[in-house]
N, C-alpha and C. Protein backbone atom coordinates (compact mmCIF):
# COMPACT_ATOMS: atom_id res chain seq x y z
N MET A 1 -4.38 -18.63 36.71
CA MET A 1 -4.53 -17.40 35.88
C MET A 1 -3.90 -17.73 34.51
N MET A 2 -4.58 -17.06 33.54
CA MET A 2 -4.15 -17.37 32.08
C MET A 2 -3.07 -16.27 31.64
N GLU A 3 -2.11 -16.80 31.01
CA GLU A 3 -1.02 -15.83 30.53
C GLU A 3 -1.29 -15.54 28.95
N ILE A 4 -1.26 -14.27 28.71
CA ILE A 4 -1.38 -13.85 27.30
C ILE A 4 -0.13 -13.30 26.75
N THR A 5 0.37 -13.68 25.65
CA THR A 5 1.61 -13.21 25.07
C THR A 5 1.19 -12.46 23.78
N LEU A 6 1.75 -11.29 23.57
CA LEU A 6 1.51 -10.53 22.50
C LEU A 6 2.69 -10.51 21.53
N ASP A 7 2.55 -10.81 20.26
CA ASP A 7 3.61 -10.69 19.30
C ASP A 7 3.47 -9.40 18.64
N LEU A 8 4.18 -8.32 19.04
CA LEU A 8 4.10 -7.06 18.50
C LEU A 8 4.47 -6.99 16.92
N GLY A 9 5.36 -7.86 16.52
CA GLY A 9 5.71 -7.93 15.07
C GLY A 9 4.40 -8.36 14.28
N LYS A 10 3.69 -9.30 14.83
CA LYS A 10 2.49 -9.76 14.08
C LYS A 10 1.38 -8.65 14.15
N MET A 11 1.32 -7.93 15.17
CA MET A 11 0.35 -6.86 15.27
C MET A 11 0.61 -5.76 14.36
N ALA A 12 1.91 -5.44 14.19
CA ALA A 12 2.31 -4.47 13.18
C ALA A 12 1.96 -4.89 11.75
N GLU A 13 2.04 -6.12 11.49
CA GLU A 13 1.75 -6.61 10.20
C GLU A 13 0.22 -6.60 9.89
N MET A 14 -0.66 -6.62 10.94
CA MET A 14 -2.06 -6.53 10.85
C MET A 14 -2.49 -5.18 10.47
N ARG A 15 -1.91 -4.06 10.86
CA ARG A 15 -2.31 -2.82 10.67
C ARG A 15 -2.45 -2.43 9.30
N PRO A 16 -3.43 -1.79 8.81
CA PRO A 16 -3.49 -1.35 7.39
C PRO A 16 -2.36 -0.42 7.05
N VAL A 17 -1.92 -0.48 5.77
CA VAL A 17 -0.80 0.32 5.33
C VAL A 17 -1.30 1.74 4.99
N ASN A 18 -2.68 1.87 4.92
CA ASN A 18 -3.21 3.28 4.57
C ASN A 18 -4.55 3.36 5.02
N THR A 19 -5.26 4.40 4.82
CA THR A 19 -6.57 4.66 5.40
C THR A 19 -7.71 4.34 4.40
N LEU A 20 -7.46 3.66 3.30
CA LEU A 20 -8.46 3.41 2.27
C LEU A 20 -9.40 2.30 2.72
N VAL A 21 -10.69 2.70 2.56
CA VAL A 21 -11.80 1.86 2.90
C VAL A 21 -12.78 1.78 1.84
N PHE A 22 -13.03 0.52 1.30
CA PHE A 22 -13.99 0.38 0.05
C PHE A 22 -15.26 -0.34 0.62
N HIS A 23 -16.42 0.21 0.36
CA HIS A 23 -17.64 -0.36 0.70
C HIS A 23 -18.32 -0.97 -0.53
N PRO A 24 -18.00 -2.22 -0.84
CA PRO A 24 -18.51 -2.81 -2.01
C PRO A 24 -19.98 -2.90 -2.21
N GLY A 25 -20.77 -2.90 -1.07
CA GLY A 25 -22.17 -2.82 -1.18
C GLY A 25 -22.73 -1.53 -1.78
N LYS A 26 -22.05 -0.40 -1.55
CA LYS A 26 -22.39 0.87 -2.19
C LYS A 26 -22.06 1.08 -3.67
N CYS A 27 -21.07 0.24 -4.06
CA CYS A 27 -20.53 0.44 -5.43
C CYS A 27 -21.66 0.24 -6.53
N ILE A 28 -21.68 1.23 -7.32
CA ILE A 28 -22.70 1.11 -8.52
C ILE A 28 -22.02 0.74 -9.87
N ASN A 29 -20.79 0.40 -9.80
CA ASN A 29 -20.01 -0.17 -10.90
C ASN A 29 -19.86 0.90 -12.12
N CYS A 30 -19.71 2.19 -11.67
CA CYS A 30 -19.60 3.27 -12.64
C CYS A 30 -18.19 3.33 -13.28
N GLY A 31 -17.17 2.83 -12.52
CA GLY A 31 -15.84 2.70 -13.04
C GLY A 31 -14.99 3.94 -12.86
N MET A 32 -15.53 5.01 -12.24
CA MET A 32 -14.81 6.26 -12.01
C MET A 32 -13.49 5.97 -11.29
N CYS A 33 -13.43 5.23 -10.28
CA CYS A 33 -12.16 4.89 -9.54
C CYS A 33 -11.15 4.27 -10.41
N LEU A 34 -11.64 3.54 -11.41
CA LEU A 34 -10.79 2.82 -12.36
C LEU A 34 -10.00 3.91 -13.26
N GLN A 35 -10.73 4.90 -13.53
CA GLN A 35 -10.22 5.99 -14.45
C GLN A 35 -9.30 6.96 -13.73
N VAL A 36 -9.58 7.22 -12.41
CA VAL A 36 -8.81 8.29 -11.74
C VAL A 36 -7.66 7.86 -10.88
N CYS A 37 -7.69 6.54 -10.49
CA CYS A 37 -6.59 6.06 -9.59
C CYS A 37 -5.28 5.96 -10.35
N PRO A 38 -4.29 6.72 -9.88
CA PRO A 38 -2.94 6.63 -10.54
C PRO A 38 -2.20 5.32 -10.35
N HIS A 39 -2.56 4.53 -9.33
CA HIS A 39 -1.91 3.34 -9.05
C HIS A 39 -2.66 1.98 -9.22
N ARG A 40 -3.74 2.18 -10.01
CA ARG A 40 -4.58 1.00 -10.34
C ARG A 40 -4.90 0.12 -9.03
N VAL A 41 -5.32 0.78 -8.09
CA VAL A 41 -5.68 0.09 -6.75
C VAL A 41 -7.00 -0.67 -7.00
N PHE A 42 -7.87 -0.17 -7.82
CA PHE A 42 -9.16 -0.88 -8.12
C PHE A 42 -9.08 -1.62 -9.43
N ALA A 43 -9.95 -2.69 -9.54
CA ALA A 43 -10.00 -3.42 -10.74
C ALA A 43 -11.43 -3.77 -11.09
N GLN A 44 -11.73 -4.10 -12.35
CA GLN A 44 -13.12 -4.49 -12.72
C GLN A 44 -13.40 -5.78 -12.16
N GLY A 45 -14.50 -5.91 -11.49
CA GLY A 45 -15.08 -7.12 -11.03
C GLY A 45 -16.24 -7.55 -11.84
N GLU A 46 -16.98 -8.62 -11.36
CA GLU A 46 -18.10 -9.03 -12.10
C GLU A 46 -19.29 -8.06 -12.05
N ARG A 47 -19.73 -7.82 -10.91
CA ARG A 47 -20.87 -6.85 -10.73
C ARG A 47 -20.60 -5.47 -10.08
N ARG A 48 -19.34 -5.44 -9.60
CA ARG A 48 -18.78 -4.16 -9.07
C ARG A 48 -17.33 -4.11 -9.10
N VAL A 49 -16.77 -2.97 -8.93
CA VAL A 49 -15.40 -2.82 -8.86
C VAL A 49 -14.90 -3.52 -7.58
N ARG A 50 -13.57 -4.00 -7.68
CA ARG A 50 -12.97 -4.59 -6.44
C ARG A 50 -11.64 -3.95 -6.13
N MET A 51 -11.19 -4.12 -4.89
CA MET A 51 -9.90 -3.56 -4.58
C MET A 51 -8.89 -4.62 -4.99
N ALA A 52 -7.91 -4.28 -5.79
CA ALA A 52 -6.98 -5.24 -6.25
C ALA A 52 -5.66 -5.12 -5.60
N ARG A 53 -5.30 -3.78 -5.35
CA ARG A 53 -3.95 -3.54 -4.87
C ARG A 53 -4.06 -2.46 -3.77
N ALA A 54 -4.73 -2.60 -2.64
CA ALA A 54 -4.95 -1.61 -1.65
C ALA A 54 -3.62 -1.12 -1.08
N ASP A 55 -2.56 -1.96 -1.05
CA ASP A 55 -1.37 -1.45 -0.49
C ASP A 55 -0.65 -0.48 -1.36
N GLU A 56 -1.10 -0.26 -2.64
CA GLU A 56 -0.50 0.63 -3.49
C GLU A 56 -1.12 1.96 -3.45
N CYS A 57 -2.12 2.15 -2.64
CA CYS A 57 -2.82 3.44 -2.50
C CYS A 57 -1.91 4.52 -1.85
N MET A 58 -1.80 5.67 -2.53
CA MET A 58 -0.94 6.73 -2.00
C MET A 58 -1.85 7.86 -1.29
N GLU A 59 -3.13 7.45 -1.12
CA GLU A 59 -4.03 8.37 -0.44
C GLU A 59 -4.24 9.78 -1.02
N CYS A 60 -4.27 9.80 -2.25
CA CYS A 60 -4.37 11.14 -2.95
C CYS A 60 -5.95 11.65 -2.92
N GLY A 61 -6.87 10.61 -2.77
CA GLY A 61 -8.21 11.01 -2.62
C GLY A 61 -8.98 11.08 -3.90
N ALA A 62 -8.40 10.88 -5.00
CA ALA A 62 -9.07 10.99 -6.26
C ALA A 62 -10.24 10.11 -6.35
N CYS A 63 -10.14 8.94 -5.89
CA CYS A 63 -11.21 7.91 -5.99
C CYS A 63 -12.44 8.34 -5.13
N GLN A 64 -12.11 8.79 -3.93
CA GLN A 64 -13.16 9.24 -3.11
C GLN A 64 -14.00 10.44 -3.73
N ARG A 65 -13.20 11.42 -4.19
CA ARG A 65 -13.90 12.60 -4.64
C ARG A 65 -14.65 12.29 -5.93
N ASN A 66 -14.33 11.29 -6.65
CA ASN A 66 -15.06 10.96 -8.04
C ASN A 66 -16.06 9.92 -7.79
N CYS A 67 -16.25 9.30 -6.67
CA CYS A 67 -17.15 8.08 -6.53
C CYS A 67 -18.55 8.76 -6.29
N PRO A 68 -19.46 8.57 -7.20
CA PRO A 68 -20.79 9.11 -6.96
C PRO A 68 -21.66 8.41 -5.93
N ALA A 69 -21.25 7.25 -5.56
CA ALA A 69 -22.01 6.38 -4.66
C ALA A 69 -21.44 6.48 -3.26
N GLY A 70 -20.40 7.22 -2.97
CA GLY A 70 -19.77 7.18 -1.71
C GLY A 70 -19.22 5.90 -1.13
N ALA A 71 -18.83 4.99 -2.09
CA ALA A 71 -18.37 3.70 -1.79
C ALA A 71 -16.89 3.66 -1.22
N ILE A 72 -16.17 4.85 -1.43
CA ILE A 72 -14.82 4.85 -1.01
C ILE A 72 -14.52 5.91 0.09
N GLU A 73 -13.73 5.60 1.02
CA GLU A 73 -13.31 6.52 1.96
C GLU A 73 -11.79 6.50 2.08
N VAL A 74 -11.18 7.56 2.15
CA VAL A 74 -9.68 7.69 2.30
C VAL A 74 -9.39 8.99 2.99
N ASP A 75 -8.59 8.92 3.98
CA ASP A 75 -8.03 10.15 4.68
C ASP A 75 -6.90 10.66 3.89
N SER A 76 -7.21 11.55 2.84
CA SER A 76 -6.05 11.97 1.97
C SER A 76 -5.15 12.93 2.81
N GLY A 77 -3.96 12.84 2.56
CA GLY A 77 -3.00 13.77 3.19
C GLY A 77 -1.63 13.26 3.28
N VAL A 78 -1.49 12.05 3.94
CA VAL A 78 -0.15 11.45 4.09
C VAL A 78 0.57 11.32 2.65
N GLY A 79 -0.18 10.75 1.77
CA GLY A 79 0.42 10.46 0.45
C GLY A 79 -0.25 11.35 -0.55
N CYS A 80 -0.80 12.39 -0.24
CA CYS A 80 -1.59 13.24 -1.20
C CYS A 80 -0.59 13.77 -2.42
N ALA A 81 -1.03 13.33 -3.64
CA ALA A 81 -0.22 13.85 -4.69
C ALA A 81 -0.21 15.28 -4.91
N ALA A 82 -1.33 15.87 -4.74
CA ALA A 82 -1.45 17.34 -4.86
C ALA A 82 -0.68 18.06 -3.83
N ALA A 83 -0.59 17.57 -2.75
CA ALA A 83 0.26 18.19 -1.66
C ALA A 83 1.91 18.06 -1.90
N MET A 84 2.13 16.90 -2.47
CA MET A 84 3.55 16.60 -2.86
C MET A 84 3.95 17.48 -4.00
N ILE A 85 3.20 17.72 -5.08
CA ILE A 85 3.44 18.53 -6.08
C ILE A 85 3.64 19.95 -5.64
N LYS A 86 2.62 20.34 -4.84
CA LYS A 86 2.58 21.82 -4.36
C LYS A 86 3.95 22.09 -3.58
N ALA A 87 4.28 21.06 -2.71
CA ALA A 87 5.48 21.35 -1.89
C ALA A 87 6.76 21.40 -2.82
N ALA A 88 6.82 20.52 -3.77
CA ALA A 88 7.92 20.54 -4.68
C ALA A 88 8.07 21.87 -5.44
N LEU A 89 6.98 22.24 -6.00
CA LEU A 89 6.93 23.56 -6.62
C LEU A 89 7.31 24.73 -5.87
N LYS A 90 7.00 24.73 -4.59
CA LYS A 90 7.28 25.82 -3.68
C LYS A 90 8.69 25.67 -3.04
N GLY A 91 9.31 24.44 -3.28
CA GLY A 91 10.61 24.21 -2.71
C GLY A 91 10.55 23.90 -1.19
N SER A 92 9.36 23.51 -0.69
CA SER A 92 9.11 23.23 0.67
C SER A 92 9.54 21.86 0.97
N LYS A 93 10.13 21.64 2.12
CA LYS A 93 10.51 20.34 2.64
C LYS A 93 9.32 19.62 3.33
N GLU A 94 8.33 20.42 3.79
CA GLU A 94 7.22 19.86 4.46
C GLU A 94 6.06 19.73 3.54
N VAL A 95 5.52 18.54 3.52
CA VAL A 95 4.30 18.13 2.77
C VAL A 95 3.06 18.10 3.59
N THR A 96 2.09 19.01 3.38
CA THR A 96 0.84 19.02 4.09
C THR A 96 -0.35 19.09 3.22
N CYS A 97 -1.36 18.48 3.52
CA CYS A 97 -2.60 18.49 2.82
C CYS A 97 -3.61 19.16 3.75
N GLY A 98 -4.24 20.21 3.32
CA GLY A 98 -5.18 20.90 4.14
C GLY A 98 -6.35 21.32 3.26
N ASP A 99 -7.13 22.38 3.88
CA ASP A 99 -8.30 22.89 3.21
C ASP A 99 -7.83 23.48 1.84
N ASP A 100 -6.76 24.08 1.72
CA ASP A 100 -6.40 24.77 0.48
C ASP A 100 -5.75 23.79 -0.65
N CYS A 101 -5.81 22.57 -0.23
CA CYS A 101 -5.13 21.58 -1.20
C CYS A 101 -6.13 20.85 -2.09
N CYS A 102 -6.54 19.67 -1.73
CA CYS A 102 -7.39 18.88 -2.65
C CYS A 102 -8.76 18.53 -2.15
N ARG A 103 -9.03 18.96 -0.94
CA ARG A 103 -10.29 18.51 -0.24
C ARG A 103 -11.45 19.43 -0.72
């Protein structure tokens, strides 16, 4: 019988740090994501935009909302800037992103 050992530390390192997914084949190189991303996650490539700093994504969703080609997917909410600002203005300790936020 074969024994399998799982290194949970390595598995945790393999998990993505956010929900950002970029589909380069759909990118039309319009540059909208370059203009709206507050953390410069995307950078200009040769024929299309490329993800340069995916781990810096705060999941605000601005890139997805402004991409006319649908090349970007992100589950905005956890790091949603609009939700954070709204919570701060209301004095709320709970940050939530829902239908009344940025979607």
